[in-house]
């Protein structure tokens, strides 16, 4: 779950830099991240409710001072460039970048499907994680979007209500042991 909080922190750094530390924007981002984190932990952990408090507390601290948040800020400000990679002198490896790729691959497997909140179709879990997985993947891994895409995703009116994602996670037995290679 450490990778998940690192993913959240990179996006938080971008939001902070792009909105001049707007408390409202950071709060909206954190609310959406929280719902996605709850959803993801329900897929990956048998007793996900035991992870909620520690994961959210650690995420909050990481959002404020961690190297992943710093990296997101520096990318958004243009003070770091893609060709510098994700191992930064004085900071070390920015692990959230590879974690974004790993979560994208994990949650987009063709063998996985969950019911979309509108009840109309089955979708890959990645479809219910528009910020932490899909948008950051397009920014950090494929580089097809700029850091501004994180704000555009927050403003997207087609996003599912974050309560829907939490309700789906809590009302279904989602845990899929095979996702992490356990028998």
N, C-alpha and C. Protein backbone atom coordinates (compact mmCIF):
# COMPACT_ATOMS: atom_id res chain seq x y z
N UNK A 1 0.82 -1.19 0.00
CA UNK A 1 0.00 0.00 0.00
C UNK A 1 0.86 1.26 0.00
N UNK A 2 2.16 1.07 0.28
CA UNK A 2 3.06 2.21 0.22
C UNK A 2 3.12 2.81 -1.17
N UNK A 3 3.05 1.95 -2.18
CA UNK A 3 3.05 2.44 -3.55
C UNK A 3 1.83 3.29 -3.85
N UNK A 4 0.71 2.91 -3.27
CA UNK A 4 -0.53 3.64 -3.50
C UNK A 4 -0.46 5.06 -2.93
N UNK A 5 0.09 5.20 -1.75
CA UNK A 5 0.20 6.54 -1.17
C UNK A 5 1.22 7.38 -1.94
N UNK A 6 2.24 6.74 -2.53
CA UNK A 6 3.21 7.48 -3.35
C UNK A 6 2.56 8.00 -4.63
N UNK A 7 1.67 7.19 -5.20
CA UNK A 7 0.93 7.61 -6.40
C UNK A 7 0.08 8.83 -6.06
N UNK A 8 -0.63 8.74 -4.97
CA UNK A 8 -1.50 9.84 -4.53
C UNK A 8 -0.67 11.11 -4.31
N UNK A 9 0.50 10.96 -3.73
CA UNK A 9 1.34 12.12 -3.41
C UNK A 9 1.85 12.84 -4.65
N UNK A 10 2.21 12.12 -5.69
CA UNK A 10 2.68 12.78 -6.92
C UNK A 10 1.58 13.69 -7.47
N UNK A 11 0.37 13.16 -7.55
CA UNK A 11 -0.74 13.97 -8.04
C UNK A 11 -1.02 15.16 -7.15
N UNK A 12 -0.91 14.96 -5.83
CA UNK A 12 -1.14 16.06 -4.88
C UNK A 12 -0.12 17.17 -5.10
N UNK A 13 1.12 16.79 -5.37
CA UNK A 13 2.15 17.79 -5.64
C UNK A 13 1.83 18.59 -6.89
N UNK A 14 1.33 17.89 -7.91
CA UNK A 14 0.94 18.59 -9.15
C UNK A 14 -0.20 19.56 -8.88
N UNK A 15 -1.23 19.09 -8.17
CA UNK A 15 -2.38 19.95 -7.87
C UNK A 15 -1.95 21.16 -7.07
N UNK A 16 -1.10 20.96 -6.08
CA UNK A 16 -0.63 22.07 -5.25
C UNK A 16 0.10 23.11 -6.10
N UNK A 17 1.00 22.65 -6.97
CA UNK A 17 1.76 23.58 -7.79
C UNK A 17 0.89 24.30 -8.81
N UNK A 18 -0.02 23.58 -9.42
CA UNK A 18 -0.84 24.15 -10.49
C UNK A 18 -1.91 25.10 -9.99
N UNK A 19 -2.25 25.01 -8.70
CA UNK A 19 -3.31 25.87 -8.15
C UNK A 19 -2.77 26.83 -7.10
N UNK A 20 -1.45 27.01 -7.06
CA UNK A 20 -0.83 27.89 -6.06
C UNK A 20 -1.27 27.53 -4.65
N UNK A 21 -1.23 26.23 -4.35
CA UNK A 21 -1.54 25.70 -3.01
C UNK A 21 -2.99 25.94 -2.59
N UNK A 22 -3.91 25.96 -3.54
CA UNK A 22 -5.32 26.15 -3.22
C UNK A 22 -5.81 25.03 -2.29
N UNK A 23 -6.27 25.42 -1.11
CA UNK A 23 -6.77 24.44 -0.15
C UNK A 23 -7.99 23.70 -0.70
N UNK A 24 -8.83 24.41 -1.43
CA UNK A 24 -10.03 23.78 -1.99
C UNK A 24 -9.64 22.73 -3.02
N UNK A 25 -8.74 23.06 -3.93
CA UNK A 25 -8.32 22.10 -4.96
C UNK A 25 -7.65 20.88 -4.34
N UNK A 26 -6.80 21.12 -3.34
CA UNK A 26 -6.13 19.99 -2.69
C UNK A 26 -7.14 19.13 -1.95
N UNK A 27 -8.15 19.74 -1.38
CA UNK A 27 -9.18 18.99 -0.66
C UNK A 27 -10.00 18.13 -1.63
N UNK A 28 -10.38 18.70 -2.76
CA UNK A 28 -11.13 17.95 -3.77
C UNK A 28 -10.29 16.78 -4.26
N UNK A 29 -9.03 17.04 -4.55
CA UNK A 29 -8.12 15.96 -4.99
C UNK A 29 -8.04 14.87 -3.94
N UNK A 30 -7.84 15.25 -2.69
CA UNK A 30 -7.70 14.26 -1.62
C UNK A 30 -8.99 13.45 -1.45
N UNK A 31 -10.13 14.07 -1.60
CA UNK A 31 -11.41 13.34 -1.51
C UNK A 31 -11.51 12.28 -2.60
N UNK A 32 -11.17 12.66 -3.82
CA UNK A 32 -11.22 11.70 -4.91
C UNK A 32 -10.17 10.60 -4.73
N UNK A 33 -8.98 10.98 -4.29
CA UNK A 33 -7.94 9.98 -4.06
C UNK A 33 -8.37 8.99 -2.98
N UNK A 34 -8.97 9.51 -1.93
CA UNK A 34 -9.42 8.64 -0.85
C UNK A 34 -10.40 7.60 -1.37
N UNK A 35 -11.34 8.01 -2.19
CA UNK A 35 -12.32 7.05 -2.71
C UNK A 35 -11.65 6.02 -3.61
N UNK A 36 -10.68 6.45 -4.41
CA UNK A 36 -9.98 5.50 -5.27
C UNK A 36 -9.11 4.55 -4.44
N UNK A 37 -8.47 5.08 -3.40
CA UNK A 37 -7.65 4.23 -2.54
C UNK A 37 -8.50 3.18 -1.83
N UNK A 38 -9.67 3.58 -1.36
CA UNK A 38 -10.57 2.62 -0.71
C UNK A 38 -10.97 1.53 -1.70
N UNK A 39 -11.31 1.94 -2.90
CA UNK A 39 -11.69 0.98 -3.93
C UNK A 39 -10.55 0.01 -4.22
N UNK A 40 -9.35 0.54 -4.42
CA UNK A 40 -8.19 -0.31 -4.74
C UNK A 40 -7.85 -1.25 -3.59
N UNK A 41 -7.89 -0.76 -2.36
CA UNK A 41 -7.56 -1.64 -1.22
C UNK A 41 -8.59 -2.75 -1.07
N UNK A 42 -9.83 -2.51 -1.47
CA UNK A 42 -10.83 -3.58 -1.41
C UNK A 42 -10.53 -4.67 -2.44
N UNK A 43 -9.86 -4.31 -3.52
CA UNK A 43 -9.46 -5.31 -4.50
C UNK A 43 -8.24 -6.11 -4.05
N UNK A 44 -7.34 -5.45 -3.33
CA UNK A 44 -6.04 -6.05 -3.04
C UNK A 44 -5.88 -6.63 -1.64
N UNK A 45 -6.76 -6.30 -0.72
CA UNK A 45 -6.58 -6.74 0.66
C UNK A 45 -7.83 -7.44 1.18
N UNK A 46 -7.62 -8.57 1.82
CA UNK A 46 -8.74 -9.34 2.34
C UNK A 46 -9.48 -8.59 3.44
N UNK A 47 -8.75 -7.92 4.30
CA UNK A 47 -9.35 -7.15 5.39
C UNK A 47 -8.98 -5.68 5.21
N UNK A 48 -9.48 -5.10 4.14
CA UNK A 48 -9.08 -3.75 3.74
C UNK A 48 -9.43 -2.69 4.78
N UNK A 49 -10.48 -2.92 5.55
CA UNK A 49 -10.86 -1.92 6.56
C UNK A 49 -9.77 -1.71 7.60
N UNK A 50 -8.91 -2.71 7.82
CA UNK A 50 -7.81 -2.56 8.77
C UNK A 50 -6.71 -1.65 8.23
N UNK A 51 -6.68 -1.47 6.92
CA UNK A 51 -5.66 -0.63 6.30
C UNK A 51 -6.06 0.83 6.22
N UNK A 52 -7.34 1.10 6.28
CA UNK A 52 -7.85 2.45 6.00
C UNK A 52 -7.19 3.54 6.85
N UNK A 53 -7.23 3.41 8.15
CA UNK A 53 -6.67 4.44 9.02
C UNK A 53 -5.19 4.67 8.80
N UNK A 54 -4.36 3.61 8.92
CA UNK A 54 -2.92 3.81 8.72
C UNK A 54 -2.57 4.31 7.32
N UNK A 55 -3.26 3.79 6.30
CA UNK A 55 -2.96 4.22 4.94
C UNK A 55 -3.29 5.70 4.75
N UNK A 56 -4.45 6.11 5.23
CA UNK A 56 -4.83 7.51 5.06
C UNK A 56 -3.95 8.45 5.88
N UNK A 57 -3.59 8.04 7.09
CA UNK A 57 -2.72 8.88 7.92
C UNK A 57 -1.35 9.04 7.27
N UNK A 58 -0.78 7.94 6.77
CA UNK A 58 0.52 7.97 6.12
C UNK A 58 0.44 8.78 4.83
N UNK A 59 -0.66 8.65 4.10
CA UNK A 59 -0.84 9.39 2.86
C UNK A 59 -0.88 10.89 3.15
N UNK A 60 -1.59 11.28 4.18
CA UNK A 60 -1.70 12.70 4.51
C UNK A 60 -0.33 13.30 4.79
N UNK A 61 0.49 12.62 5.58
CA UNK A 61 1.83 13.10 5.89
C UNK A 61 2.68 13.16 4.63
N UNK A 62 2.58 12.12 3.80
CA UNK A 62 3.34 12.07 2.56
C UNK A 62 2.95 13.20 1.62
N UNK A 63 1.66 13.54 1.60
CA UNK A 63 1.20 14.63 0.73
C UNK A 63 1.84 15.95 1.12
N UNK A 64 2.14 16.11 2.38
CA UNK A 64 2.69 17.37 2.86
C UNK A 64 4.19 17.50 2.62
N UNK A 65 4.94 16.44 2.87
CA UNK A 65 6.39 16.58 2.89
C UNK A 65 7.17 15.55 2.09
N UNK A 66 6.53 14.59 1.50
CA UNK A 66 7.26 13.50 0.85
C UNK A 66 7.92 13.86 -0.46
N UNK A 67 8.86 13.02 -0.86
CA UNK A 67 9.60 13.27 -2.11
C UNK A 67 8.72 13.09 -3.33
N UNK A 68 7.68 12.23 -3.24
CA UNK A 68 6.79 12.06 -4.38
C UNK A 68 5.97 13.33 -4.61
N UNK A 69 5.48 13.95 -3.54
CA UNK A 69 4.75 15.22 -3.67
C UNK A 69 5.68 16.30 -4.23
N UNK A 70 6.91 16.32 -3.73
CA UNK A 70 7.91 17.27 -4.23
C UNK A 70 8.12 17.07 -5.73
N UNK A 71 8.25 15.82 -6.16
CA UNK A 71 8.46 15.50 -7.57
C UNK A 71 7.28 16.01 -8.42
N UNK A 72 6.06 15.75 -7.96
CA UNK A 72 4.88 16.24 -8.68
C UNK A 72 4.88 17.75 -8.80
N UNK A 73 5.25 18.43 -7.71
CA UNK A 73 5.32 19.90 -7.74
C UNK A 73 6.36 20.38 -8.74
N UNK A 74 7.53 19.79 -8.71
CA UNK A 74 8.61 20.23 -9.59
C UNK A 74 8.28 19.98 -11.05
N UNK A 75 7.62 18.85 -11.34
CA UNK A 75 7.19 18.60 -12.72
C UNK A 75 6.19 19.65 -13.17
N UNK A 76 5.20 19.92 -12.33
CA UNK A 76 4.15 20.88 -12.67
C UNK A 76 4.71 22.30 -12.84
N UNK A 77 5.71 22.63 -12.06
CA UNK A 77 6.32 23.96 -12.16
C UNK A 77 7.31 24.07 -13.32
N UNK A 78 7.65 22.93 -13.91
CA UNK A 78 8.62 22.92 -15.00
C UNK A 78 10.06 22.94 -14.52
N UNK A 79 10.28 22.70 -13.23
CA UNK A 79 11.63 22.72 -12.68
C UNK A 79 12.33 21.38 -12.83
N UNK A 80 11.60 20.35 -13.19
CA UNK A 80 12.16 19.05 -13.56
C UNK A 80 11.67 18.74 -14.96
N UNK A 81 12.49 18.05 -15.72
CA UNK A 81 12.07 17.63 -17.06
C UNK A 81 12.05 16.11 -17.12
N UNK A 82 11.30 15.59 -18.10
CA UNK A 82 11.16 14.14 -18.23
C UNK A 82 12.51 13.45 -18.44
N UNK A 83 13.41 14.10 -19.16
CA UNK A 83 14.69 13.46 -19.45
C UNK A 83 15.57 13.30 -18.22
N UNK A 84 15.19 13.91 -17.10
CA UNK A 84 15.94 13.74 -15.85
C UNK A 84 15.62 12.40 -15.19
N UNK A 85 14.57 11.74 -15.64
CA UNK A 85 14.20 10.44 -15.09
C UNK A 85 13.51 10.58 -13.74
N UNK A 86 13.43 9.47 -13.03
CA UNK A 86 12.77 9.49 -11.72
C UNK A 86 13.71 9.11 -10.58
N UNK A 87 15.00 9.20 -10.83
CA UNK A 87 15.99 9.08 -9.77
C UNK A 87 16.70 10.43 -9.70
N UNK A 88 16.39 11.17 -8.65
CA UNK A 88 16.81 12.56 -8.56
C UNK A 88 17.90 12.72 -7.50
N UNK A 89 18.98 13.35 -7.89
CA UNK A 89 20.09 13.60 -6.96
C UNK A 89 19.58 14.35 -5.74
N UNK A 90 19.92 13.84 -4.57
CA UNK A 90 19.51 14.47 -3.32
C UNK A 90 18.14 14.01 -2.83
N UNK A 91 17.38 13.37 -3.69
CA UNK A 91 16.04 12.88 -3.32
C UNK A 91 15.95 11.37 -3.42
N UNK A 92 16.71 10.79 -4.31
CA UNK A 92 16.65 9.34 -4.51
C UNK A 92 15.62 8.97 -5.55
N UNK A 93 15.21 7.71 -5.50
CA UNK A 93 14.24 7.18 -6.46
C UNK A 93 12.84 7.66 -6.11
N UNK A 94 12.15 8.19 -7.09
CA UNK A 94 10.76 8.61 -6.92
C UNK A 94 9.90 7.40 -7.27
N UNK A 95 9.56 6.64 -6.25
CA UNK A 95 8.92 5.34 -6.46
C UNK A 95 7.49 5.42 -6.95
N UNK A 96 6.85 6.55 -6.76
CA UNK A 96 5.47 6.70 -7.21
C UNK A 96 5.32 6.57 -8.71
N UNK A 97 6.38 6.90 -9.46
CA UNK A 97 6.29 6.81 -10.93
C UNK A 97 6.11 5.36 -11.36
N UNK A 98 6.97 4.48 -10.88
CA UNK A 98 6.83 3.07 -11.25
C UNK A 98 5.57 2.46 -10.65
N UNK A 99 5.14 2.96 -9.50
CA UNK A 99 3.91 2.47 -8.89
C UNK A 99 2.70 2.80 -9.75
N UNK A 100 2.69 3.97 -10.38
CA UNK A 100 1.61 4.32 -11.30
C UNK A 100 1.51 3.28 -12.41
N UNK A 101 2.64 2.95 -13.00
CA UNK A 101 2.66 1.94 -14.07
C UNK A 101 2.19 0.59 -13.58
N UNK A 102 2.63 0.20 -12.39
CA UNK A 102 2.25 -1.10 -11.84
C UNK A 102 0.76 -1.18 -11.54
N UNK A 103 0.19 -0.13 -10.93
CA UNK A 103 -1.25 -0.14 -10.65
C UNK A 103 -2.05 -0.12 -11.95
N UNK A 104 -1.58 0.61 -12.95
CA UNK A 104 -2.30 0.63 -14.22
C UNK A 104 -2.34 -0.78 -14.82
N UNK A 105 -1.20 -1.43 -14.88
CA UNK A 105 -1.15 -2.79 -15.43
C UNK A 105 -2.01 -3.75 -14.63
N UNK A 106 -1.92 -3.66 -13.32
CA UNK A 106 -2.66 -4.55 -12.45
C UNK A 106 -4.17 -4.38 -12.61
N UNK A 107 -4.63 -3.14 -12.61
CA UNK A 107 -6.07 -2.86 -12.62
C UNK A 107 -6.69 -2.83 -14.01
N UNK A 108 -5.88 -3.01 -15.05
CA UNK A 108 -6.45 -3.04 -16.39
C UNK A 108 -6.40 -4.43 -17.02
N UNK A 109 -6.11 -5.43 -16.21
CA UNK A 109 -6.06 -6.80 -16.72
C UNK A 109 -7.41 -7.19 -17.32
N UNK A 110 -7.34 -7.85 -18.47
CA UNK A 110 -8.57 -8.23 -19.17
C UNK A 110 -9.39 -9.26 -18.39
N UNK A 111 -8.76 -9.97 -17.48
CA UNK A 111 -9.49 -10.98 -16.71
C UNK A 111 -10.29 -10.39 -15.55
N UNK A 112 -10.12 -9.11 -15.27
CA UNK A 112 -10.83 -8.46 -14.17
C UNK A 112 -12.01 -7.66 -14.69
N UNK A 113 -13.05 -7.64 -13.93
CA UNK A 113 -14.16 -6.75 -14.27
C UNK A 113 -15.01 -6.52 -13.03
N UNK A 114 -15.53 -5.30 -12.96
CA UNK A 114 -16.43 -4.90 -11.88
C UNK A 114 -17.60 -4.18 -12.53
N UNK A 115 -18.71 -4.17 -11.83
CA UNK A 115 -19.89 -3.50 -12.36
C UNK A 115 -19.72 -1.99 -12.27
N UNK A 116 -19.94 -1.31 -13.37
CA UNK A 116 -19.87 0.15 -13.41
C UNK A 116 -20.93 0.71 -12.47
N UNK A 117 -20.67 1.85 -11.81
CA UNK A 117 -21.65 2.42 -10.87
C UNK A 117 -23.05 2.64 -11.44
N UNK A 118 -23.14 2.89 -12.74
CA UNK A 118 -24.47 3.08 -13.32
C UNK A 118 -25.19 1.75 -13.56
N UNK A 119 -24.48 0.65 -13.31
CA UNK A 119 -25.09 -0.68 -13.42
C UNK A 119 -25.27 -1.18 -14.83
N UNK A 120 -24.72 -0.48 -15.81
CA UNK A 120 -24.97 -0.84 -17.20
C UNK A 120 -24.01 -1.86 -17.79
N UNK A 121 -22.80 -1.95 -17.25
CA UNK A 121 -21.80 -2.81 -17.90
C UNK A 121 -20.69 -3.17 -16.93
N UNK A 122 -19.94 -4.19 -17.31
CA UNK A 122 -18.75 -4.56 -16.56
C UNK A 122 -17.56 -3.80 -17.15
N UNK A 123 -16.70 -3.30 -16.29
CA UNK A 123 -15.51 -2.56 -16.73
C UNK A 123 -14.29 -3.04 -15.96
N UNK A 124 -13.13 -2.78 -16.51
CA UNK A 124 -11.89 -3.06 -15.79
C UNK A 124 -11.80 -2.09 -14.61
N UNK A 125 -11.27 -2.53 -13.48
CA UNK A 125 -11.16 -1.64 -12.31
C UNK A 125 -10.46 -0.31 -12.60
N UNK A 126 -9.55 -0.30 -13.57
CA UNK A 126 -8.83 0.94 -13.90
C UNK A 126 -9.81 2.04 -14.32
N UNK A 127 -10.95 1.66 -14.88
CA UNK A 127 -11.94 2.64 -15.32
C UNK A 127 -12.57 3.40 -14.15
N UNK A 128 -12.50 2.83 -12.96
CA UNK A 128 -13.07 3.49 -11.78
C UNK A 128 -12.00 4.23 -10.97
N UNK A 129 -10.83 4.38 -11.55
CA UNK A 129 -9.72 5.09 -10.89
C UNK A 129 -9.17 6.16 -11.84
N UNK A 130 -10.00 7.15 -12.17
CA UNK A 130 -9.60 8.12 -13.19
C UNK A 130 -8.43 9.02 -12.81
N UNK A 131 -8.22 9.29 -11.54
CA UNK A 131 -7.12 10.17 -11.14
C UNK A 131 -5.84 9.39 -10.87
N UNK A 132 -5.91 8.51 -9.87
CA UNK A 132 -4.70 7.85 -9.39
C UNK A 132 -4.08 6.92 -10.43
N UNK A 133 -4.89 6.35 -11.25
CA UNK A 133 -4.33 5.38 -12.19
C UNK A 133 -4.34 5.91 -13.62
N UNK A 134 -5.50 6.22 -14.15
CA UNK A 134 -5.58 6.59 -15.57
C UNK A 134 -4.89 7.90 -15.91
N UNK A 135 -5.21 8.96 -15.22
CA UNK A 135 -4.64 10.27 -15.57
C UNK A 135 -3.15 10.32 -15.28
N UNK A 136 -2.75 9.87 -14.11
CA UNK A 136 -1.31 9.90 -13.81
C UNK A 136 -0.52 8.98 -14.73
N UNK A 137 -1.11 7.90 -15.19
CA UNK A 137 -0.46 7.02 -16.16
C UNK A 137 -0.18 7.79 -17.46
N UNK A 138 -1.16 8.55 -17.91
CA UNK A 138 -1.00 9.31 -19.15
C UNK A 138 -0.02 10.47 -18.99
N UNK A 139 0.13 10.96 -17.77
CA UNK A 139 1.09 12.04 -17.51
C UNK A 139 2.51 11.48 -17.34
N UNK A 140 2.65 10.49 -16.46
CA UNK A 140 3.97 10.02 -16.05
C UNK A 140 4.57 8.90 -16.90
N UNK A 141 3.72 8.02 -17.42
CA UNK A 141 4.25 6.84 -18.12
C UNK A 141 4.22 7.03 -19.64
N UNK A 142 3.05 7.26 -20.21
CA UNK A 142 2.99 7.43 -21.67
C UNK A 142 3.32 8.84 -22.10
N UNK A 143 3.23 9.79 -21.17
CA UNK A 143 3.53 11.21 -21.40
C UNK A 143 2.69 11.82 -22.52
N UNK A 144 1.49 11.29 -22.69
CA UNK A 144 0.60 11.82 -23.71
C UNK A 144 -0.18 13.03 -23.21
N UNK A 145 -0.08 13.32 -21.91
CA UNK A 145 -0.78 14.48 -21.34
C UNK A 145 0.20 15.28 -20.49
N UNK A 146 -0.08 16.56 -20.37
CA UNK A 146 0.75 17.41 -19.50
C UNK A 146 0.23 17.31 -18.06
N UNK A 147 0.96 17.90 -17.15
CA UNK A 147 0.52 17.87 -15.75
C UNK A 147 -0.82 18.57 -15.56
N UNK A 148 -1.21 19.45 -16.45
CA UNK A 148 -2.51 20.12 -16.38
C UNK A 148 -3.67 19.11 -16.43
N UNK A 149 -3.41 17.93 -16.97
CA UNK A 149 -4.47 16.91 -17.10
C UNK A 149 -5.03 16.50 -15.74
N UNK A 150 -4.24 16.63 -14.69
CA UNK A 150 -4.74 16.26 -13.36
C UNK A 150 -5.87 17.20 -12.94
N UNK A 151 -5.73 18.49 -13.26
CA UNK A 151 -6.80 19.45 -12.95
C UNK A 151 -8.01 19.24 -13.85
N UNK A 152 -7.76 18.92 -15.11
CA UNK A 152 -8.86 18.65 -16.03
C UNK A 152 -9.66 17.44 -15.55
N UNK A 153 -8.98 16.43 -15.06
CA UNK A 153 -9.66 15.23 -14.55
C UNK A 153 -10.51 15.57 -13.33
N UNK A 154 -10.02 16.45 -12.47
CA UNK A 154 -10.80 16.86 -11.30
C UNK A 154 -12.06 17.61 -11.69
N UNK A 155 -12.00 18.31 -12.79
CA UNK A 155 -13.14 19.12 -13.25
C UNK A 155 -14.10 18.35 -14.15
N UNK A 156 -13.74 17.13 -14.51
CA UNK A 156 -14.53 16.33 -15.44
C UNK A 156 -15.89 15.99 -14.83
N UNK A 157 -16.93 16.51 -15.43
CA UNK A 157 -18.27 16.29 -14.89
C UNK A 157 -18.78 14.88 -15.14
N UNK A 158 -18.10 14.11 -15.97
CA UNK A 158 -18.54 12.74 -16.21
C UNK A 158 -17.97 11.76 -15.19
N UNK A 159 -17.12 12.26 -14.29
CA UNK A 159 -16.58 11.38 -13.24
C UNK A 159 -17.73 10.86 -12.39
N UNK A 160 -17.61 9.62 -12.01
CA UNK A 160 -18.62 9.06 -11.11
C UNK A 160 -18.49 9.73 -9.76
N UNK A 161 -19.60 9.86 -9.10
CA UNK A 161 -19.60 10.41 -7.75
C UNK A 161 -18.71 9.51 -6.89
N UNK A 162 -17.82 10.12 -6.14
CA UNK A 162 -16.89 9.32 -5.36
C UNK A 162 -17.59 8.44 -4.34
N UNK A 163 -18.78 8.83 -3.91
CA UNK A 163 -19.54 7.98 -2.99
C UNK A 163 -19.92 6.67 -3.66
N UNK A 164 -20.21 6.71 -4.96
CA UNK A 164 -20.57 5.49 -5.69
C UNK A 164 -19.43 4.48 -5.66
N UNK A 165 -18.21 4.96 -5.87
CA UNK A 165 -17.05 4.08 -5.88
C UNK A 165 -16.85 3.45 -4.50
N UNK A 166 -17.01 4.25 -3.46
CA UNK A 166 -16.85 3.73 -2.09
C UNK A 166 -17.95 2.72 -1.78
N UNK A 167 -19.18 3.03 -2.18
CA UNK A 167 -20.29 2.10 -1.93
C UNK A 167 -20.08 0.78 -2.66
N UNK A 168 -19.60 0.85 -3.90
CA UNK A 168 -19.33 -0.38 -4.66
C UNK A 168 -18.29 -1.21 -3.92
N UNK A 169 -17.23 -0.57 -3.48
CA UNK A 169 -16.15 -1.28 -2.79
C UNK A 169 -16.64 -1.91 -1.49
N UNK A 170 -17.44 -1.18 -0.75
CA UNK A 170 -17.86 -1.67 0.56
C UNK A 170 -19.01 -2.66 0.50
N UNK A 171 -19.80 -2.62 -0.57
CA UNK A 171 -20.96 -3.50 -0.62
C UNK A 171 -20.71 -4.80 -1.37
N UNK A 172 -19.56 -4.95 -1.97
CA UNK A 172 -19.25 -6.17 -2.71
C UNK A 172 -18.00 -6.82 -2.14
N UNK A 173 -17.96 -8.11 -2.24
CA UNK A 173 -16.76 -8.86 -1.83
C UNK A 173 -15.80 -8.84 -3.01
N UNK A 174 -15.00 -7.80 -3.10
CA UNK A 174 -14.13 -7.61 -4.24
C UNK A 174 -12.77 -8.29 -4.15
N UNK A 175 -12.34 -8.60 -2.96
CA UNK A 175 -10.97 -9.08 -2.80
C UNK A 175 -10.66 -10.16 -3.81
N UNK A 176 -9.60 -9.95 -4.58
CA UNK A 176 -9.19 -10.90 -5.60
C UNK A 176 -7.76 -11.32 -5.28
N UNK A 177 -7.58 -12.43 -4.53
CA UNK A 177 -6.26 -12.85 -4.10
C UNK A 177 -5.27 -13.03 -5.23
N UNK A 178 -5.73 -13.45 -6.39
CA UNK A 178 -4.83 -13.72 -7.51
C UNK A 178 -4.15 -12.47 -8.05
N UNK A 179 -4.68 -11.28 -7.73
CA UNK A 179 -4.07 -10.05 -8.22
C UNK A 179 -2.63 -9.90 -7.76
N UNK A 180 -2.35 -10.30 -6.56
CA UNK A 180 -1.00 -10.15 -6.02
C UNK A 180 -0.24 -11.47 -6.01
N UNK A 181 -0.74 -12.44 -6.71
CA UNK A 181 -0.04 -13.71 -6.86
C UNK A 181 -0.17 -14.66 -5.70
N UNK A 182 -1.10 -14.41 -4.80
CA UNK A 182 -1.29 -15.34 -3.69
C UNK A 182 -2.22 -16.46 -4.13
N UNK A 183 -2.01 -17.68 -3.61
CA UNK A 183 -2.87 -18.79 -4.02
C UNK A 183 -4.29 -18.63 -3.49
